[in-house]
C-alpha atoms as a PDB file:
ATOM      1  CA  UNK A   1       0.000   0.000   0.000  1.00  0.00           C
ATOM      2  CA  UNK A   2       1.563   3.290  -1.096  1.00  0.00           C
ATOM      3  CA  UNK A   3       0.551   6.941  -0.822  1.00  0.00           C
ATOM      4  CA  UNK A   4       2.114   9.659  -2.992  1.00  0.00           C
ATOM      5  CA  UNK A   5       2.154  12.621  -0.623  1.00  0.00           C
ATOM      6  CA  UNK A   6       1.505  15.760  -2.635  1.00  0.00           C
ATOM      7  CA  UNK A   7      -1.223  18.391  -2.566  1.00  0.00           C
ATOM      8  CA  UNK A   8      -3.972  18.957  -5.132  1.00  0.00           C
ATOM      9  CA  UNK A   9      -2.217  21.899  -6.811  1.00  0.00           C
ATOM     10  CA  UNK A  10       1.014  19.946  -7.400  1.00  0.00           C
ATOM     11  CA  UNK A  11      -0.256  17.320  -9.835  1.00  0.00           C
ATOM     12  CA  UNK A  12       1.515  17.347 -13.188  1.00  0.00           C
ATOM     13  CA  UNK A  13      -1.687  17.942 -15.148  1.00  0.00           C
ATOM     14  CA  UNK A  14      -2.191  21.278 -13.352  1.00  0.00           C
ATOM     15  CA  UNK A  15       1.389  22.458 -13.958  1.00  0.00           C
ATOM     16  CA  UNK A  16       0.462  24.628 -17.003  1.00  0.00           C
ATOM     17  CA  UNK A  17      -2.260  26.345 -14.967  1.00  0.00           C
ATOM     18  CA  UNK A  18      -0.711  26.786 -11.503  1.00  0.00           C
ATOM     19  CA  UNK A  19       2.744  28.436 -11.419  1.00  0.00           C
ATOM     20  CA  UNK A  20       5.155  26.965  -8.892  1.00  0.00           C
ATOM     21  CA  UNK A  21       5.827  30.378  -7.439  1.00  0.00           C
ATOM     22  CA  UNK A  22       2.156  30.489  -6.379  1.00  0.00           C
ATOM     23  CA  UNK A  23       2.184  27.232  -4.411  1.00  0.00           C
ATOM     24  CA  UNK A  24       2.820  28.957  -1.073  1.00  0.00           C
ATOM     25  CA  UNK A  25      -0.151  31.250  -1.667  1.00  0.00           C
ATOM     26  CA  UNK A  26      -2.656  28.411  -2.114  1.00  0.00           C
ATOM     27  CA  UNK A  27      -4.595  26.739   0.708  1.00  0.00           C
ATOM     28  CA  UNK A  28      -2.814  23.480   1.575  1.00  0.00           C
ATOM     29  CA  UNK A  29      -5.015  20.536   2.480  1.00  0.00           C
ATOM     30  CA  UNK A  30      -2.444  17.757   2.574  1.00  0.00           C
ATOM     31  CA  UNK A  31      -1.939  17.659   6.334  1.00  0.00           C
ATOM     32  CA  UNK A  32      -5.588  17.071   7.200  1.00  0.00           C
ATOM     33  CA  UNK A  33      -5.941  14.489   4.439  1.00  0.00           C
ATOM     34  CA  UNK A  34      -2.833  12.578   5.532  1.00  0.00           C
ATOM     35  CA  UNK A  35      -4.030  12.485   9.124  1.00  0.00           C
ATOM     36  CA  UNK A  36      -7.334  10.976   7.937  1.00  0.00           C
ATOM     37  CA  UNK A  37      -5.387   8.371   5.981  1.00  0.00           C
ATOM     38  CA  UNK A  38      -3.227   7.531   8.997  1.00  0.00           C
ATOM     39  CA  UNK A  39      -6.347   7.018  11.109  1.00  0.00           C
ATOM     40  CA  UNK A  40      -7.900   4.850   8.392  1.00  0.00           C
ATOM     41  CA  UNK A  41      -4.783   2.687   8.224  1.00  0.00           C
ATOM     42  CA  UNK A  42      -4.729   2.368  12.015  1.00  0.00           C
ATOM     43  CA  UNK A  43      -8.348   1.232  12.018  1.00  0.00           C
ATOM     44  CA  UNK A  44      -7.494  -1.586   9.630  1.00  0.00           C
ATOM     45  CA  UNK A  45      -4.120  -2.378  11.260  1.00  0.00           C
ATOM     46  CA  UNK A  46      -2.315  -1.656   8.000  1.00  0.00           C
ATOM     47  CA  UNK A  47       1.154  -0.234   7.440  1.00  0.00           C
ATOM     48  CA  UNK A  48       1.990   1.604   4.226  1.00  0.00           C
ATOM     49  CA  UNK A  49       4.758   3.423   2.368  1.00  0.00           C
ATOM     50  CA  UNK A  50       4.434   7.201   2.043  1.00  0.00           C
ATOM     51  CA  UNK A  51       6.330   8.557  -0.988  1.00  0.00           C
ATOM     52  CA  UNK A  52       6.634  12.133   0.233  1.00  0.00           C
ATOM     53  CA  UNK A  53       7.635  15.331  -1.525  1.00  0.00           C
ATOM     54  CA  UNK A  54      10.474  17.225   0.136  1.00  0.00           C
ATOM     55  CA  UNK A  55       8.498  20.450  -0.429  1.00  0.00           C
ATOM     56  CA  UNK A  56       5.674  19.030   1.679  1.00  0.00           C
ATOM     57  CA  UNK A  57       7.978  17.615   4.366  1.00  0.00           C
ATOM     58  CA  UNK A  58       9.661  21.000   4.797  1.00  0.00           C
ATOM     59  CA  UNK A  59       6.330  22.655   5.540  1.00  0.00           C
ATOM     60  CA  UNK A  60       4.743  19.846   7.581  1.00  0.00           C
ATOM     61  CA  UNK A  61       7.587  18.172   9.505  1.00  0.00           C
ATOM     62  CA  UNK A  62       5.317  17.053  12.361  1.00  0.00           C
ATOM     63  CA  UNK A  63       3.107  15.219   9.861  1.00  0.00           C
ATOM     64  CA  UNK A  64       6.154  13.360   8.534  1.00  0.00           C
ATOM     65  CA  UNK A  65       7.248  12.423  12.048  1.00  0.00           C
ATOM     66  CA  UNK A  66       3.735  11.176  12.762  1.00  0.00           C
ATOM     67  CA  UNK A  67       3.918   8.823   9.749  1.00  0.00           C
ATOM     68  CA  UNK A  68       7.124   7.371  11.151  1.00  0.00           C
ATOM     69  CA  UNK A  69       5.801   7.244  14.710  1.00  0.00           C
ATOM     70  CA  UNK A  70       2.840   5.151  13.570  1.00  0.00           C
ATOM     71  CA  UNK A  71       5.140   2.611  11.937  1.00  0.00           C
ATOM     72  CA  UNK A  72       4.883   3.509   8.262  1.00  0.00           C
ATOM     73  CA  UNK A  73       7.733   3.649   5.754  1.00  0.00           C
ATOM     74  CA  UNK A  74       8.956   7.111   4.777  1.00  0.00           C
ATOM     75  CA  UNK A  75      10.115   7.206   1.152  1.00  0.00           C
ATOM     76  CA  UNK A  76      10.999   9.901  -1.389  1.00  0.00           C
ATOM     77  CA  UNK A  77       8.867  11.436  -4.134  1.00  0.00           C
ATOM     78  CA  UNK A  78      11.581  13.925  -5.017  1.00  0.00           C
ATOM     79  CA  UNK A  79      11.565  17.499  -3.801  1.00  0.00           C
ATOM     80  CA  UNK A  80       9.223  19.637  -5.904  1.00  0.00           C
ATOM     81  CA  UNK A  81       7.246  17.210  -8.102  1.00  0.00           C
ATOM     82  CA  UNK A  82       9.363  17.750 -11.196  1.00  0.00           C
ATOM     83  CA  UNK A  83       9.036  14.883 -13.655  1.00  0.00           C
ATOM     84  CA  UNK A  84      12.288  12.954 -13.981  1.00  0.00           C
ATOM     85  CA  UNK A  85      11.902  13.043 -17.760  1.00  0.00           C
ATOM     86  CA  UNK A  86      11.892  16.871 -17.683  1.00  0.00           C
ATOM     87  CA  UNK A  87      15.200  17.124 -15.794  1.00  0.00           C
ATOM     88  CA  UNK A  88      18.803  16.828 -16.875  1.00  0.00           C
ATOM     89  CA  UNK A  89      20.950  14.257 -15.134  1.00  0.00           C
ATOM     90  CA  UNK A  90      22.536  16.964 -12.984  1.00  0.00           C
ATOM     91  CA  UNK A  91      19.150  18.439 -12.042  1.00  0.00           C
ATOM     92  CA  UNK A  92      17.748  15.020 -11.208  1.00  0.00           C
ATOM     93  CA  UNK A  93      20.770  14.170  -9.054  1.00  0.00           C
ATOM     94  CA  UNK A  94      20.354  17.401  -7.096  1.00  0.00           C
ATOM     95  CA  UNK A  95      16.615  16.806  -6.662  1.00  0.00           C
ATOM     96  CA  UNK A  96      16.735  13.215  -5.391  1.00  0.00           C
ATOM     97  CA  UNK A  97      19.806  13.761  -3.208  1.00  0.00           C
ATOM     98  CA  UNK A  98      18.331  16.849  -1.559  1.00  0.00           C
ATOM     99  CA  UNK A  99      14.949  15.174  -1.000  1.00  0.00           C
ATOM    100  CA  UNK A 100      16.523  12.085   0.577  1.00  0.00           C
ATOM    101  CA  UNK A 101      18.629  14.070   3.040  1.00  0.00           C
ATOM    102  CA  UNK A 102      15.734  16.369   3.923  1.00  0.00           C
ATOM    103  CA  UNK A 103      13.343  13.489   4.615  1.00  0.00           C
ATOM    104  CA  UNK A 104      15.929  11.604   6.668  1.00  0.00           C
ATOM    105  CA  UNK A 105      16.733  14.695   8.747  1.00  0.00           C
ATOM    106  CA  UNK A 106      13.039  15.333   9.467  1.00  0.00           C
ATOM    107  CA  UNK A 107      11.887  11.727   9.889  1.00  0.00           C
ATOM    108  CA  UNK A 108      14.945  10.433  11.715  1.00  0.00           C
ATOM    109  CA  UNK A 109      14.958   7.218   9.637  1.00  0.00           C
ATOM    110  CA  UNK A 110      16.795   5.961   6.576  1.00  0.00           C
ATOM    111  CA  UNK A 111      14.994   6.603   3.276  1.00  0.00           C
ATOM    112  CA  UNK A 112      15.605   3.733   0.849  1.00  0.00           C
ATOM    113  CA  UNK A 113      12.711   4.048  -1.634  1.00  0.00           C
ATOM    114  CA  UNK A 114      11.907   6.520  -4.409  1.00  0.00           C
ATOM    115  CA  UNK A 115       8.987   7.083  -6.772  1.00  0.00           C
ATOM    116  CA  UNK A 116       9.300   9.473  -9.696  1.00  0.00           C
ATOM    117  CA  UNK A 117       6.480  12.002 -10.050  1.00  0.00           C
ATOM    118  CA  UNK A 118       3.997  10.811 -12.687  1.00  0.00           C
ATOM    119  CA  UNK A 119       5.970   7.557 -13.126  1.00  0.00           C
ATOM    120  CA  UNK A 120       8.377   9.532 -15.282  1.00  0.00           C
ATOM    121  CA  UNK A 121      11.230   7.050 -15.632  1.00  0.00           C
ATOM    122  CA  UNK A 122      11.092   5.206 -18.931  1.00  0.00           C
ATOM    123  CA  UNK A 123      13.083   3.993 -21.903  1.00  0.00           C
ATOM    124  CA  UNK A 124      14.563   7.441 -22.610  1.00  0.00           C
ATOM    125  CA  UNK A 125      15.985   8.156 -19.146  1.00  0.00           C
ATOM    126  CA  UNK A 126      17.141   4.845 -17.692  1.00  0.00           C
ATOM    127  CA  UNK A 127      20.222   6.720 -16.477  1.00  0.00           C
ATOM    128  CA  UNK A 128      17.975   7.851 -13.617  1.00  0.00           C
ATOM    129  CA  UNK A 129      18.481   4.453 -11.990  1.00  0.00           C
ATOM    130  CA  UNK A 130      22.245   5.033 -11.895  1.00  0.00           C
ATOM    131  CA  UNK A 131      21.666   8.377 -10.191  1.00  0.00           C
ATOM    132  CA  UNK A 132      19.308   6.826  -7.636  1.00  0.00           C
ATOM    133  CA  UNK A 133      21.823   4.091  -6.870  1.00  0.00           C
ATOM    134  CA  UNK A 134      24.610   6.653  -6.430  1.00  0.00           C
ATOM    135  CA  UNK A 135      22.387   8.693  -4.103  1.00  0.00           C
ATOM    136  CA  UNK A 136      21.912   5.705  -1.797  1.00  0.00           C
ATOM    137  CA  UNK A 137      18.424   4.540  -2.711  1.00  0.00           C
ATOM    138  CA  UNK A 138      17.816   0.777  -2.606  1.00  0.00           C
ATOM    139  CA  UNK A 139      14.649   0.581  -4.672  1.00  0.00           C
ATOM    140  CA  UNK A 140      12.486   2.589  -7.028  1.00  0.00           C
ATOM    141  CA  UNK A 141       8.801   2.272  -7.911  1.00  0.00           C
ATOM    142  CA  UNK A 142       8.756   4.587 -10.895  1.00  0.00           C
ATOM    143  CA  UNK A 143       7.790   2.539 -13.948  1.00  0.00           C
ATOM    144  CA  UNK A 144       4.206   1.851 -14.975  1.00  0.00           C
ATOM    145  CA  UNK A 145       4.211  -0.877 -17.665  1.00  0.00           C
ATOM    146  CA  UNK A 146       1.198   0.538 -19.526  1.00  0.00           C
ATOM    147  CA  UNK A 147       0.561   2.795 -22.500  1.00  0.00           C
ATOM    148  CA  UNK A 148      -0.645   6.217 -21.346  1.00  0.00           C
ATOM    149  CA  UNK A 149      -0.617   9.670 -22.885  1.00  0.00           C
ATOM    150  CA  UNK A 150       1.491  11.126 -20.050  1.00  0.00           C
ATOM    151  CA  UNK A 151       3.671   8.212 -18.917  1.00  0.00           C
ATOM    152  CA  UNK A 152       4.250   4.492 -19.226  1.00  0.00           C
ATOM    153  CA  UNK A 153       6.727   1.902 -20.443  1.00  0.00           C
ATOM    154  CA  UNK A 154       4.539  -0.954 -21.727  1.00  0.00           C
ATOM    155  CA  UNK A 155       7.472  -3.187 -22.670  1.00  0.00           C
ATOM    156  CA  UNK A 156       9.021  -3.105 -19.187  1.00  0.00           C
ATOM    157  CA  UNK A 157       8.874  -6.186 -16.934  1.00  0.00           C
ATOM    158  CA  UNK A 158       5.657  -6.322 -14.967  1.00  0.00           C
ATOM    159  CA  UNK A 159       7.242  -7.386 -11.691  1.00  0.00           C
ATOM    160  CA  UNK A 160      10.374  -6.614  -9.644  1.00  0.00           C
ATOM    161  CA  UNK A 161      13.582  -6.430 -11.674  1.00  0.00           C
ATOM    162  CA  UNK A 162      17.041  -4.864 -11.684  1.00  0.00           C
ATOM    163  CA  UNK A 163      17.139  -2.364 -14.568  1.00  0.00           C
ATOM    164  CA  UNK A 164      20.926  -1.837 -14.504  1.00  0.00           C
ATOM    165  CA  UNK A 165      24.029  -3.800 -13.526  1.00  0.00           C
ATOM    166  CA  UNK A 166      24.050  -2.456  -9.953  1.00  0.00           C
ATOM    167  CA  UNK A 167      21.715  -3.749  -7.279  1.00  0.00           C
ATOM    168  CA  UNK A 168      18.977  -1.114  -7.294  1.00  0.00           C
ATOM    169  CA  UNK A 169      15.571  -2.777  -7.580  1.00  0.00           C
ATOM    170  CA  UNK A 170      12.687  -1.429  -9.663  1.00  0.00           C
ATOM    171  CA  UNK A 171       9.202  -2.324  -8.432  1.00  0.00           C
ATOM    172  CA  UNK A 172       6.773  -1.508 -11.274  1.00  0.00           C
ATOM    173  CA  UNK A 173       3.175  -0.546 -10.637  1.00  0.00           C
ATOM    174  CA  UNK A 174       0.873  -3.541 -10.901  1.00  0.00           C
ATOM    175  CA  UNK A 175      -0.725  -4.450 -14.212  1.00  0.00           C
ATOM    176  CA  UNK A 176      -2.953  -7.296 -15.348  1.00  0.00           C
ATOM    177  CA  UNK A 177      -1.949  -8.850 -18.660  1.00  0.00           C
ATOM    178  CA  UNK A 178      -5.085  -9.639 -20.622  1.00  0.00           C
ATOM    179  CA  UNK A 179      -5.036 -10.701 -24.288  1.00  0.00           C
ATOM    180  CA  UNK A 180      -1.452  -9.485 -24.616  1.00  0.00           C
ATOM    181  CA  UNK A 181      -2.109  -6.020 -23.209  1.00  0.00           C
ATOM    182  CA  UNK A 182      -1.175  -4.655 -19.776  1.00  0.00           C
ATOM    183  CA  UNK A 183      -4.150  -3.168 -17.962  1.00  0.00           C
ATOM    184  CA  UNK A 184      -3.659  -0.782 -14.999  1.00  0.00           C
ATOM    185  CA  UNK A 185      -4.414  -2.471 -11.672  1.00  0.00           C
ATOM    186  CA  UNK A 186      -2.658  -0.180  -9.218  1.00  0.00           C
ATOM    187  CA  UNK A 187      -5.126   2.433  -8.082  1.00  0.00           C
ATOM    188  CA  UNK A 188      -5.064   6.154  -8.762  1.00  0.00           C
ATOM    189  CA  UNK A 189      -7.601   7.553 -11.199  1.00  0.00           C
ATOM    190  CA  UNK A 190      -8.398   4.124 -12.597  1.00  0.00           C
ATOM    191  CA  UNK A 191      -9.508   2.974  -9.140  1.00  0.00           C
ATOM    192  CA  UNK A 192     -11.866   5.959  -8.882  1.00  0.00           C
ATOM    193  CA  UNK A 193     -13.211   5.487 -12.403  1.00  0.00           C
ATOM    194  CA  UNK A 194     -13.749   1.721 -12.555  1.00  0.00           C
ATOM    195  CA  UNK A 195     -16.289  -0.135 -10.436  1.00  0.00           C
ATOM    196  CA  UNK A 196     -14.704  -1.481  -7.245  1.00  0.00           C
ATOM    197  CA  UNK A 197     -15.511  -5.042  -8.341  1.00  0.00           C
ATOM    198  CA  UNK A 198     -13.308  -4.645 -11.423  1.00  0.00           C
ATOM    199  CA  UNK A 199     -10.320  -3.338  -9.481  1.00  0.00           C
ATOM    200  CA  UNK A 200     -10.582  -6.005  -6.788  1.00  0.00           C
ATOM    201  CA  UNK A 201     -10.939  -8.730  -9.448  1.00  0.00           C
ATOM    202  CA  UNK A 202      -7.733  -7.571 -11.160  1.00  0.00           C
ATOM    203  CA  UNK A 203      -5.804  -7.548  -7.883  1.00  0.00           C
ATOM    204  CA  UNK A 204      -7.004 -11.029  -6.959  1.00  0.00           C
ATOM    205  CA  UNK A 205      -6.164 -12.349 -10.416  1.00  0.00           C
ATOM    206  CA  UNK A 206      -2.575 -11.050 -10.218  1.00  0.00           C
ATOM    207  CA  UNK A 207      -2.234 -12.528  -6.716  1.00  0.00           C
ATOM    208  CA  UNK A 208      -3.504 -15.937  -7.797  1.00  0.00           C
ATOM    209  CA  UNK A 209      -2.365 -16.206 -11.406  1.00  0.00           C
ATOM    210  CA  UNK A 210       1.082 -14.644 -11.039  1.00  0.00           C
ATOM    211  CA  UNK A 211       1.707 -15.326  -7.346  1.00  0.00           C
ATOM    212  CA  UNK A 212       2.837 -11.723  -6.910  1.00  0.00           C
ATOM    213  CA  UNK A 213       2.096  -8.993  -4.398  1.00  0.00           C
ATOM    214  CA  UNK A 214       0.251  -6.034  -5.908  1.00  0.00           C
ATOM    215  CA  UNK A 215       1.373  -2.434  -5.530  1.00  0.00           C
ATOM    216  CA  UNK A 216      -1.487   0.022  -4.974  1.00  0.00           C
ATOM    217  CA  UNK A 217      -1.171   3.811  -4.861  1.00  0.00           C
ATOM    218  CA  UNK A 218      -3.302   6.879  -4.253  1.00  0.00           C
ATOM    219  CA  UNK A 219      -2.873  10.544  -3.292  1.00  0.00           C
ATOM    220  CA  UNK A 220      -4.151  12.399  -0.215  1.00  0.00           C
ATOM    221  CA  UNK A 221      -6.156  14.791  -2.420  1.00  0.00           C
ATOM    222  CA  UNK A 222      -8.125  11.831  -3.799  1.00  0.00           C
ATOM    223  CA  UNK A 223     -10.095  11.518  -0.550  1.00  0.00           C
ATOM    224  CA  UNK A 224     -10.881  15.243  -0.536  1.00  0.00           C
ATOM    225  CA  UNK A 225     -14.005  16.120  -2.575  1.00  0.00           C
ATOM    226  CA  UNK A 226     -14.064  19.607  -1.015  1.00  0.00           C
ATOM    227  CA  UNK A 227     -10.714  20.704  -2.451  1.00  0.00           C
ATOM    228  CA  UNK A 228     -10.696  23.969  -4.464  1.00  0.00           C
ATOM    229  CA  UNK A 229     -11.699  23.485  -8.112  1.00  0.00           C
ATOM    230  CA  UNK A 230      -9.252  24.716 -10.716  1.00  0.00           C
ATOM    231  CA  UNK A 231     -10.515  26.934 -13.516  1.00  0.00           C
ATOM    232  CA  UNK A 232      -9.354  26.900 -17.102  1.00  0.00           C
ATOM    233  CA  UNK A 233      -8.272  23.250 -17.247  1.00  0.00           C
ATOM    234  CA  UNK A 234      -9.349  21.008 -20.110  1.00  0.00           C
ATOM    235  CA  UNK A 235     -12.264  18.605 -19.816  1.00  0.00           C
ATOM    236  CA  UNK A 236     -10.020  15.521 -19.844  1.00  0.00           C
ATOM    237  CA  UNK A 237      -7.835  16.844 -17.008  1.00  0.00           C
ATOM    238  CA  UNK A 238     -10.909  17.942 -15.061  1.00  0.00           C
ATOM    239  CA  UNK A 239     -12.530  14.531 -15.441  1.00  0.00           C
ATOM    240  CA  UNK A 240      -9.397  12.587 -14.493  1.00  0.00           C
ATOM    241  CA  UNK A 241      -8.753  14.658 -11.392  1.00  0.00           C
ATOM    242  CA  UNK A 242     -12.268  15.036  -9.983  1.00  0.00           C
ATOM    243  CA  UNK A 243     -14.103  11.854 -10.979  1.00  0.00           C
ATOM    244  CA  UNK A 244     -15.571  10.016  -7.980  1.00  0.00           C
ATOM    245  CA  UNK A 245     -13.574  11.856  -5.290  1.00  0.00           C
ATOM    246  CA  UNK A 246     -16.559  11.507  -2.967  1.00  0.00           C
ATOM    247  CA  UNK A 247     -16.477   7.708  -3.352  1.00  0.00           C
ATOM    248  CA  UNK A 248     -12.742   7.205  -2.863  1.00  0.00           C
ATOM    249  CA  UNK A 249     -12.618   6.915   0.926  1.00  0.00           C
ATOM    250  CA  UNK A 250     -15.361   4.300   0.983  1.00  0.00           C
ATOM    251  CA  UNK A 251     -13.622   2.284  -1.721  1.00  0.00           C
ATOM    252  CA  UNK A 252     -10.341   2.448   0.162  1.00  0.00           C
ATOM    253  CA  UNK A 253     -12.071   1.157   3.267  1.00  0.00           C
ATOM    254  CA  UNK A 254     -13.328  -1.860   1.305  1.00  0.00           C
ATOM    255  CA  UNK A 255      -9.868  -2.416  -0.156  1.00  0.00           C
ATOM    256  CA  UNK A 256      -8.256  -2.423   3.279  1.00  0.00           C
ATOM    257  CA  UNK A 257     -10.844  -4.956   4.485  1.00  0.00           C
ATOM    258  CA  UNK A 258     -10.643  -7.243   1.445  1.00  0.00           C
ATOM    259  CA  UNK A 259      -6.840  -7.562   1.143  1.00  0.00           C
ATOM    260  CA  UNK A 260      -3.748  -7.666   3.339  1.00  0.00           C
ATOM    261  CA  UNK A 261      -1.324  -4.781   2.823  1.00  0.00           C
ATOM    262  CA  UNK A 262       2.073  -3.759   4.161  1.00  0.00           C
ATOM    263  CA  UNK A 263       5.058  -1.467   3.608  1.00  0.00           C
ATOM    264  CA  UNK A 264       7.089  -1.789   0.406  1.00  0.00           C
ATOM    265  CA  UNK A 265      10.358  -2.393   2.246  1.00  0.00           C
ATOM    266  CA  UNK A 266       8.901  -5.288   4.248  1.00  0.00           C
ATOM    267  CA  UNK A 267       7.347  -7.034   1.265  1.00  0.00           C
ATOM    268  CA  UNK A 268      10.084  -6.560  -1.315  1.00  0.00           C
ATOM    269  CA  UNK A 269      13.262  -5.999   0.715  1.00  0.00           C
ATOM    270  CA  UNK A 270      12.492  -8.415   3.539  1.00  0.00           C
ATOM    271  CA  UNK A 271      12.784  -5.771   6.252  1.00  0.00           C
ATOM    272  CA  UNK A 272      11.579  -7.275   9.570  1.00  0.00           C
ATOM    273  CA  UNK A 273       8.351  -6.043  11.154  1.00  0.00           C
END
């Protein structure tokens, strides 16, 4: 179970409409949403991995410490939600190194995992794995083996693999292979759009057919139907961002009841409980 900790105004699809220099002037809602998620996880005795932006951690250090205090894994989502594919190697190195140190200083724990914003590591920037390894990360969960208009690497392995000669492990987002095509089975907007029965069926099928653990993700803003609405965005972006926000918390509750979940480092790295 993974949560990408960013606020509603930081999603990549809103980047053309919300300048970065305005972020501090917008009402943040991430802290309240994360606290609701922490309580939900406690209720269902579930531990998760929180891929957290350094920008968020800087402004809400007590929230980050609370994640750690409750037994969850603190991991990196980079500093300012810049897509890896939009950065040079030097810029990416600075971003992931700074975010790792910042999170470790605030959380007081080692940060071993990384997820690229918008799953933005793919065939054209595999060098990013070398940078992550050099920076001290042990695993990444940055590739989505699907075809999508904003991201995706459909030819990538569907399950854990080592993308380079060093030991860094890539843990791709979960897909269901059906009739030779990878279908998204990992959460996010697809989980809000599809009926719950479809999503749960895909997860069970991967568990049983492939014998693999599934990786699920969502964002704190996805349980927040009262977040400010953005003006001037296209219909596709508006639909993807706002569809079924009011149903998300209830669906997550069912998901936590129907399946067993844990932290990424425990499941894939064998870290003891």
